Amino acid sequence: MKTTWYALISAACLLLFLLFTVLVRTDMLATFDFNAMVRVQDNVPPSFDPFLSLFSFIGGIEIVFILLLALSYTKRRNKIFIAAVILGFVIAHVIEVIGKNTLLHPSPPFLFHRSYTFLLFPSSYVHTNGAYPSGHSLRISMLIVLLFALIKKPLIRALLITILFIGLVSRVSLGEHWPTDVIGGTLLGLSTGYASLYFLKTKEKK
């Protein structure tokens, strides 16, 4: 893929995120959220919940940040890429916190909650007023985009796509987020991931 495409995809995802955020703010998708949530939970057996909850654990901000640092270390000669990954990660989460505290898009009611808790990290004690966009969806999307671009083996790439799909669906099936929260977080994560790749590929071409 040409370097400019990474920048274009990043910009397109960011624009879609902004437009989708406006749509979410109007509450026009409330019926979609409820119907999609019910359908997903009806089709995912409760027996899967412990396994799917593991993805919530892995998608925690502490674990993903460590994984991103490890990934950046493999490209340690590219200081711009490392800076882009860390700065992008921080900025994306600032946007997440602002969104959750200004849009006031509430989390699903407790009756939808099916998640299991394995271990509480410090971030688990941080609570926001809303649920949009999903931080877990943001992080897993960003991480998978970077791994997908850096790993060329088809089998591993297929595994990465599977992990991304399960991770995103689990946020809804476990009742942690509405579908719109997941979509918003995914768009923000994709934008951040592709922006980081743009700086990586630009440096490699020199």
C-alpha atoms as a PDB file:
ATOM      1  CA  MET A   1       0.000   0.000   0.000  1.00  0.00           C
ATOM      2  CA  LYS A   2       1.304   3.475  -0.872  1.00  0.00           C
ATOM      3  CA  THR A   3       2.244   5.665   2.064  1.00  0.00           C
ATOM      4  CA  THR A   4      -0.335   8.329   1.245  1.00  0.00           C
ATOM      5  CA  TRP A   5      -3.114   5.757   1.545  1.00  0.00           C
ATOM      6  CA  TYR A   6      -2.382   5.349   5.255  1.00  0.00           C
ATOM      7  CA  ALA A   7      -2.900   9.080   5.767  1.00  0.00           C
ATOM      8  CA  LEU A   8      -6.070   9.088   3.665  1.00  0.00           C
ATOM      9  CA  ILE A   9      -7.572   6.107   5.499  1.00  0.00           C
ATOM     10  CA  SER A  10      -6.704   7.688   8.846  1.00  0.00           C
ATOM     11  CA  ALA A  11      -8.349  10.975   7.845  1.00  0.00           C
ATOM     12  CA  ALA A  12     -11.408   9.168   6.454  1.00  0.00           C
ATOM     13  CA  CYS A  13     -11.872   7.166   9.674  1.00  0.00           C
ATOM     14  CA  LEU A  14     -11.521  10.324  11.757  1.00  0.00           C
ATOM     15  CA  LEU A  15     -14.095  12.128   9.621  1.00  0.00           C
ATOM     16  CA  LEU A  16     -16.485   9.178   9.872  1.00  0.00           C
ATOM     17  CA  PHE A  17     -15.960   9.138  13.638  1.00  0.00           C
ATOM     18  CA  LEU A  18     -16.875  12.814  13.903  1.00  0.00           C
ATOM     19  CA  LEU A  19     -19.953  12.421  11.696  1.00  0.00           C
ATOM     20  CA  PHE A  20     -21.035   9.280  13.543  1.00  0.00           C
ATOM     21  CA  THR A  21     -20.557  11.064  16.872  1.00  0.00           C
ATOM     22  CA  VAL A  22     -22.954  13.796  15.764  1.00  0.00           C
ATOM     23  CA  LEU A  23     -25.458  11.105  14.788  1.00  0.00           C
ATOM     24  CA  VAL A  24     -25.109   9.387  18.160  1.00  0.00           C
ATOM     25  CA  ARG A  25     -25.601  12.725  19.910  1.00  0.00           C
ATOM     26  CA  THR A  26     -29.040  13.096  18.301  1.00  0.00           C
ATOM     27  CA  ASP A  27     -30.204   9.751  19.795  1.00  0.00           C
ATOM     28  CA  MET A  28     -31.448   8.707  16.356  1.00  0.00           C
ATOM     29  CA  LEU A  29     -29.710   5.345  16.791  1.00  0.00           C
ATOM     30  CA  ALA A  30     -31.222   4.473  20.180  1.00  0.00           C
ATOM     31  CA  THR A  31     -33.632   1.926  18.687  1.00  0.00           C
ATOM     32  CA  PHE A  32     -30.837   0.396  16.611  1.00  0.00           C
ATOM     33  CA  ASP A  33     -28.685   0.085  19.736  1.00  0.00           C
ATOM     34  CA  PHE A  34     -31.367  -1.704  21.721  1.00  0.00           C
ATOM     35  CA  ASN A  35     -32.428  -4.081  18.941  1.00  0.00           C
ATOM     36  CA  ALA A  36     -28.843  -4.938  17.999  1.00  0.00           C
ATOM     37  CA  MET A  37     -27.905  -5.504  21.640  1.00  0.00           C
ATOM     38  CA  VAL A  38     -30.810  -7.908  22.169  1.00  0.00           C
ATOM     39  CA  ARG A  39     -30.060  -9.786  18.955  1.00  0.00           C
ATOM     40  CA  VAL A  40     -26.364 -10.185  19.724  1.00  0.00           C
ATOM     41  CA  GLN A  41     -26.994 -11.379  23.277  1.00  0.00           C
ATOM     42  CA  ASP A  42     -29.656 -13.808  22.065  1.00  0.00           C
ATOM     43  CA  ASN A  43     -27.159 -15.351  19.635  1.00  0.00           C
ATOM     44  CA  VAL A  44     -24.180 -15.570  21.999  1.00  0.00           C
ATOM     45  CA  PRO A  45     -24.683 -18.281  24.659  1.00  0.00           C
ATOM     46  CA  PRO A  46     -23.942 -17.244  28.274  1.00  0.00           C
ATOM     47  CA  SER A  47     -21.504 -20.177  28.429  1.00  0.00           C
ATOM     48  CA  PHE A  48     -19.191 -18.110  26.195  1.00  0.00           C
ATOM     49  CA  ASP A  49     -19.141 -15.188  28.646  1.00  0.00           C
ATOM     50  CA  PRO A  50     -16.029 -16.209  30.668  1.00  0.00           C
ATOM     51  CA  PHE A  51     -14.031 -16.670  27.446  1.00  0.00           C
ATOM     52  CA  LEU A  52     -15.270 -13.400  25.968  1.00  0.00           C
ATOM     53  CA  SER A  53     -14.592 -11.590  29.247  1.00  0.00           C
ATOM     54  CA  LEU A  54     -10.951 -12.510  28.770  1.00  0.00           C
ATOM     55  CA  PHE A  55     -10.888 -10.171  25.766  1.00  0.00           C
ATOM     56  CA  SER A  56     -12.075  -7.363  28.021  1.00  0.00           C
ATOM     57  CA  PHE A  57      -9.177  -8.137  30.340  1.00  0.00           C
ATOM     58  CA  ILE A  58      -6.644  -8.191  27.497  1.00  0.00           C
ATOM     59  CA  GLY A  59      -8.108  -4.994  26.046  1.00  0.00           C
ATOM     60  CA  GLY A  60      -7.435  -3.047  29.234  1.00  0.00           C
ATOM     61  CA  ILE A  61      -5.484   0.177  28.807  1.00  0.00           C
ATOM     62  CA  GLU A  62      -2.503  -1.078  30.827  1.00  0.00           C
ATOM     63  CA  ILE A  63      -2.037  -4.300  28.845  1.00  0.00           C
ATOM     64  CA  VAL A  64      -2.536  -2.724  25.421  1.00  0.00           C
ATOM     65  CA  PHE A  65      -0.138   0.112  26.257  1.00  0.00           C
ATOM     66  CA  ILE A  66       2.537  -2.425  27.226  1.00  0.00           C
ATOM     67  CA  LEU A  67       1.921  -4.351  23.997  1.00  0.00           C
ATOM     68  CA  LEU A  68       2.205  -1.140  21.977  1.00  0.00           C
ATOM     69  CA  LEU A  69       5.476  -0.280  23.705  1.00  0.00           C
ATOM     70  CA  ALA A  70       6.796  -3.755  22.895  1.00  0.00           C
ATOM     71  CA  LEU A  71       5.668  -3.343  19.288  1.00  0.00           C
ATOM     72  CA  SER A  72       7.318   0.073  19.092  1.00  0.00           C
ATOM     73  CA  TYR A  73      10.554  -1.418  20.428  1.00  0.00           C
ATOM     74  CA  THR A  74      10.780  -3.652  17.356  1.00  0.00           C
ATOM     75  CA  LYS A  75      10.948  -0.416  15.347  1.00  0.00           C
ATOM     76  CA  ARG A  76      13.110   1.411  17.894  1.00  0.00           C
ATOM     77  CA  ARG A  77      15.260   3.028  15.197  1.00  0.00           C
ATOM     78  CA  ASN A  78      12.188   4.867  13.953  1.00  0.00           C
ATOM     79  CA  LYS A  79      11.734   7.479  16.657  1.00  0.00           C
ATOM     80  CA  ILE A  80       8.964   9.223  14.719  1.00  0.00           C
ATOM     81  CA  PHE A  81       6.889   6.017  14.635  1.00  0.00           C
ATOM     82  CA  ILE A  82       7.341   5.461  18.367  1.00  0.00           C
ATOM     83  CA  ALA A  83       6.328   9.045  19.083  1.00  0.00           C
ATOM     84  CA  ALA A  84       3.312   8.719  16.759  1.00  0.00           C
ATOM     85  CA  VAL A  85       2.141   5.525  18.490  1.00  0.00           C
ATOM     86  CA  ILE A  86       2.461   6.933  22.008  1.00  0.00           C
ATOM     87  CA  LEU A  87       1.103  10.383  21.151  1.00  0.00           C
ATOM     88  CA  GLY A  88      -1.734   8.900  19.085  1.00  0.00           C
ATOM     89  CA  PHE A  89      -2.622   6.541  21.934  1.00  0.00           C
ATOM     90  CA  VAL A  90      -2.757   9.421  24.411  1.00  0.00           C
ATOM     91  CA  ILE A  91      -4.716  11.782  22.132  1.00  0.00           C
ATOM     92  CA  ALA A  92      -7.239   9.066  21.236  1.00  0.00           C
ATOM     93  CA  HIS A  93      -7.895   8.427  24.915  1.00  0.00           C
ATOM     94  CA  VAL A  94      -8.264  12.122  25.623  1.00  0.00           C
ATOM     95  CA  ILE A  95     -10.920  12.198  22.892  1.00  0.00           C
ATOM     96  CA  GLU A  96     -12.519   9.107  24.464  1.00  0.00           C
ATOM     97  CA  VAL A  97     -12.717  10.713  27.906  1.00  0.00           C
ATOM     98  CA  ILE A  98     -14.076  13.967  26.474  1.00  0.00           C
ATOM     99  CA  GLY A  99     -16.699  12.038  24.513  1.00  0.00           C
ATOM    100  CA  LYS A 100     -17.793  10.014  27.521  1.00  0.00           C
ATOM    101  CA  ASN A 101     -18.097  13.082  29.717  1.00  0.00           C
ATOM    102  CA  THR A 102     -19.793  15.414  27.234  1.00  0.00           C
ATOM    103  CA  LEU A 103     -22.072  13.233  25.097  1.00  0.00           C
ATOM    104  CA  LEU A 104     -23.466  11.487  28.186  1.00  0.00           C
ATOM    105  CA  HIS A 105     -24.369   8.409  26.159  1.00  0.00           C
ATOM    106  CA  PRO A 106     -25.237   6.036  29.042  1.00  0.00           C
ATOM    107  CA  SER A 107     -23.962   2.483  29.332  1.00  0.00           C
ATOM    108  CA  PRO A 108     -26.407  -0.405  28.839  1.00  0.00           C
ATOM    109  CA  PRO A 109     -28.626  -1.103  31.893  1.00  0.00           C
ATOM    110  CA  PHE A 110     -27.363  -3.618  34.445  1.00  0.00           C
ATOM    111  CA  LEU A 111     -29.808  -6.254  33.198  1.00  0.00           C
ATOM    112  CA  PHE A 112     -27.647  -6.569  30.048  1.00  0.00           C
ATOM    113  CA  HIS A 113     -24.384  -7.071  31.944  1.00  0.00           C
ATOM    114  CA  ARG A 114     -22.846 -10.531  31.575  1.00  0.00           C
ATOM    115  CA  SER A 115     -19.122  -9.890  31.996  1.00  0.00           C
ATOM    116  CA  TYR A 116     -16.767 -11.634  34.435  1.00  0.00           C
ATOM    117  CA  THR A 117     -13.997  -9.851  36.333  1.00  0.00           C
ATOM    118  CA  PHE A 118     -10.594 -11.577  36.391  1.00  0.00           C
ATOM    119  CA  LEU A 119      -8.361  -8.855  37.779  1.00  0.00           C
ATOM    120  CA  LEU A 120      -8.854  -5.167  38.484  1.00  0.00           C
ATOM    121  CA  PHE A 121      -6.285  -2.725  37.113  1.00  0.00           C
ATOM    122  CA  PRO A 122      -6.037   0.899  38.316  1.00  0.00           C
ATOM    123  CA  SER A 123      -8.018   2.003  35.244  1.00  0.00           C
ATOM    124  CA  SER A 124     -10.915  -0.170  36.438  1.00  0.00           C
ATOM    125  CA  TYR A 125     -11.562   2.340  39.201  1.00  0.00           C
ATOM    126  CA  VAL A 126     -11.861   5.261  36.793  1.00  0.00           C
ATOM    127  CA  HIS A 127     -15.504   5.893  35.937  1.00  0.00           C
ATOM    128  CA  THR A 128     -16.916   8.264  33.354  1.00  0.00           C
ATOM    129  CA  ASN A 129     -20.411   9.635  32.893  1.00  0.00           C
ATOM    130  CA  GLY A 130     -21.007   7.972  29.527  1.00  0.00           C
ATOM    131  CA  ALA A 131     -20.023   5.027  27.363  1.00  0.00           C
ATOM    132  CA  TYR A 132     -19.282   6.569  23.942  1.00  0.00           C
ATOM    133  CA  PRO A 133     -16.815   5.819  22.444  1.00  0.00           C
ATOM    134  CA  SER A 134     -15.684   2.396  23.659  1.00  0.00           C
ATOM    135  CA  GLY A 135     -12.096   2.495  24.916  1.00  0.00           C
ATOM    136  CA  HIS A 136     -11.606  -1.260  24.527  1.00  0.00           C
ATOM    137  CA  SER A 137     -12.738  -1.079  20.895  1.00  0.00           C
ATOM    138  CA  LEU A 138     -10.389   1.856  20.321  1.00  0.00           C
ATOM    139  CA  ARG A 139      -7.389   0.010  21.746  1.00  0.00           C
ATOM    140  CA  ILE A 140      -7.917  -3.360  20.117  1.00  0.00           C
ATOM    141  CA  SER A 141      -8.576  -1.740  16.731  1.00  0.00           C
ATOM    142  CA  MET A 142      -5.406   0.340  16.909  1.00  0.00           C
ATOM    143  CA  LEU A 143      -3.310  -2.624  18.042  1.00  0.00           C
ATOM    144  CA  ILE A 144      -4.652  -5.009  15.396  1.00  0.00           C
ATOM    145  CA  VAL A 145      -4.145  -2.455  12.592  1.00  0.00           C
ATOM    146  CA  LEU A 146      -0.488  -2.070  13.546  1.00  0.00           C
ATOM    147  CA  LEU A 147       0.104  -5.808  13.909  1.00  0.00           C
ATOM    148  CA  PHE A 148      -1.698  -6.551  10.636  1.00  0.00           C
ATOM    149  CA  ALA A 149       0.540  -4.123   8.738  1.00  0.00           C
ATOM    150  CA  LEU A 150       3.764  -5.386  10.303  1.00  0.00           C
ATOM    151  CA  ILE A 151       3.066  -9.128  10.113  1.00  0.00           C
ATOM    152  CA  LYS A 152       2.881 -10.561   6.611  1.00  0.00           C
ATOM    153  CA  LYS A 153       1.973 -14.199   7.324  1.00  0.00           C
ATOM    154  CA  PRO A 154      -1.589 -14.900   6.036  1.00  0.00           C
ATOM    155  CA  LEU A 155      -2.441 -17.302   8.865  1.00  0.00           C
ATOM    156  CA  ILE A 156      -1.487 -14.813  11.558  1.00  0.00           C
ATOM    157  CA  ARG A 157      -3.335 -12.049   9.748  1.00  0.00           C
ATOM    158  CA  ALA A 158      -6.459 -14.202   9.661  1.00  0.00           C
ATOM    159  CA  LEU A 159      -6.038 -14.803  13.393  1.00  0.00           C
ATOM    160  CA  LEU A 160      -5.719 -11.054  13.999  1.00  0.00           C
ATOM    161  CA  ILE A 161      -8.950 -10.351  12.122  1.00  0.00           C
ATOM    162  CA  THR A 162     -10.685 -13.071  14.147  1.00  0.00           C
ATOM    163  CA  ILE A 163      -9.416 -11.580  17.405  1.00  0.00           C
ATOM    164  CA  LEU A 164     -10.617  -8.134  16.341  1.00  0.00           C
ATOM    165  CA  PHE A 165     -14.071  -9.446  15.440  1.00  0.00           C
ATOM    166  CA  ILE A 166     -14.475 -11.403  18.683  1.00  0.00           C
ATOM    167  CA  GLY A 167     -13.141  -8.512  20.736  1.00  0.00           C
ATOM    168  CA  LEU A 168     -15.601  -6.030  19.255  1.00  0.00           C
ATOM    169  CA  VAL A 169     -18.613  -8.342  19.428  1.00  0.00           C
ATOM    170  CA  SER A 170     -17.788  -9.248  23.027  1.00  0.00           C
ATOM    171  CA  ARG A 171     -18.229  -5.632  24.135  1.00  0.00           C
ATOM    172  CA  VAL A 172     -21.865  -5.881  23.055  1.00  0.00           C
ATOM    173  CA  SER A 173     -22.572  -9.499  24.007  1.00  0.00           C
ATOM    174  CA  LEU A 174     -21.246  -8.877  27.524  1.00  0.00           C
ATOM    175  CA  GLY A 175     -23.461  -5.821  27.877  1.00  0.00           C
ATOM    176  CA  GLU A 176     -20.509  -3.485  28.425  1.00  0.00           C
ATOM    177  CA  HIS A 177     -21.323  -1.190  25.502  1.00  0.00           C
ATOM    178  CA  TRP A 178     -23.998  -0.363  22.986  1.00  0.00           C
ATOM    179  CA  PRO A 179     -23.140  -1.180  19.340  1.00  0.00           C
ATOM    180  CA  THR A 180     -22.739   2.528  18.561  1.00  0.00           C
ATOM    181  CA  ASP A 181     -20.114   2.819  21.324  1.00  0.00           C
ATOM    182  CA  VAL A 182     -18.158   0.016  19.674  1.00  0.00           C
ATOM    183  CA  ILE A 183     -18.461   1.504  16.190  1.00  0.00           C
ATOM    184  CA  GLY A 184     -17.255   4.900  17.407  1.00  0.00           C
ATOM    185  CA  GLY A 185     -14.329   3.417  19.309  1.00  0.00           C
ATOM    186  CA  THR A 186     -13.352   1.281  16.327  1.00  0.00           C
ATOM    187  CA  LEU A 187     -13.303   4.250  13.946  1.00  0.00           C
ATOM    188  CA  LEU A 188     -11.158   6.239  16.372  1.00  0.00           C
ATOM    189  CA  GLY A 189      -8.780   3.310  16.841  1.00  0.00           C
ATOM    190  CA  LEU A 190      -8.457   2.733  13.097  1.00  0.00           C
ATOM    191  CA  SER A 191      -7.708   6.407  12.543  1.00  0.00           C
ATOM    192  CA  THR A 192      -4.977   6.377  15.187  1.00  0.00           C
ATOM    193  CA  GLY A 193      -3.475   3.127  13.935  1.00  0.00           C
ATOM    194  CA  TYR A 194      -3.281   4.211  10.303  1.00  0.00           C
ATOM    195  CA  ALA A 195      -1.848   7.596  11.303  1.00  0.00           C
ATOM    196  CA  SER A 196       0.963   5.779  13.139  1.00  0.00           C
ATOM    197  CA  LEU A 197       1.592   3.576  10.106  1.00  0.00           C
ATOM    198  CA  TYR A 198       1.837   6.649   7.900  1.00  0.00           C
ATOM    199  CA  PHE A 199       4.783   7.931   9.927  1.00  0.00           C
ATOM    200  CA  LEU A 200       6.353   4.468   9.957  1.00  0.00           C
ATOM    201  CA  LYS A 201       6.151   4.032   6.185  1.00  0.00           C
ATOM    202  CA  THR A 202       7.253   7.624   5.504  1.00  0.00           C
ATOM    203  CA  LYS A 203      10.418   7.078   7.537  1.00  0.00           C
ATOM    204  CA  GLU A 204      11.118   3.704   5.887  1.00  0.00           C
ATOM    205  CA  LYS A 205      10.999   5.253   2.408  1.00  0.00           C
ATOM    206  CA  LYS A 206      13.820   7.677   3.230  1.00  0.00           C
END
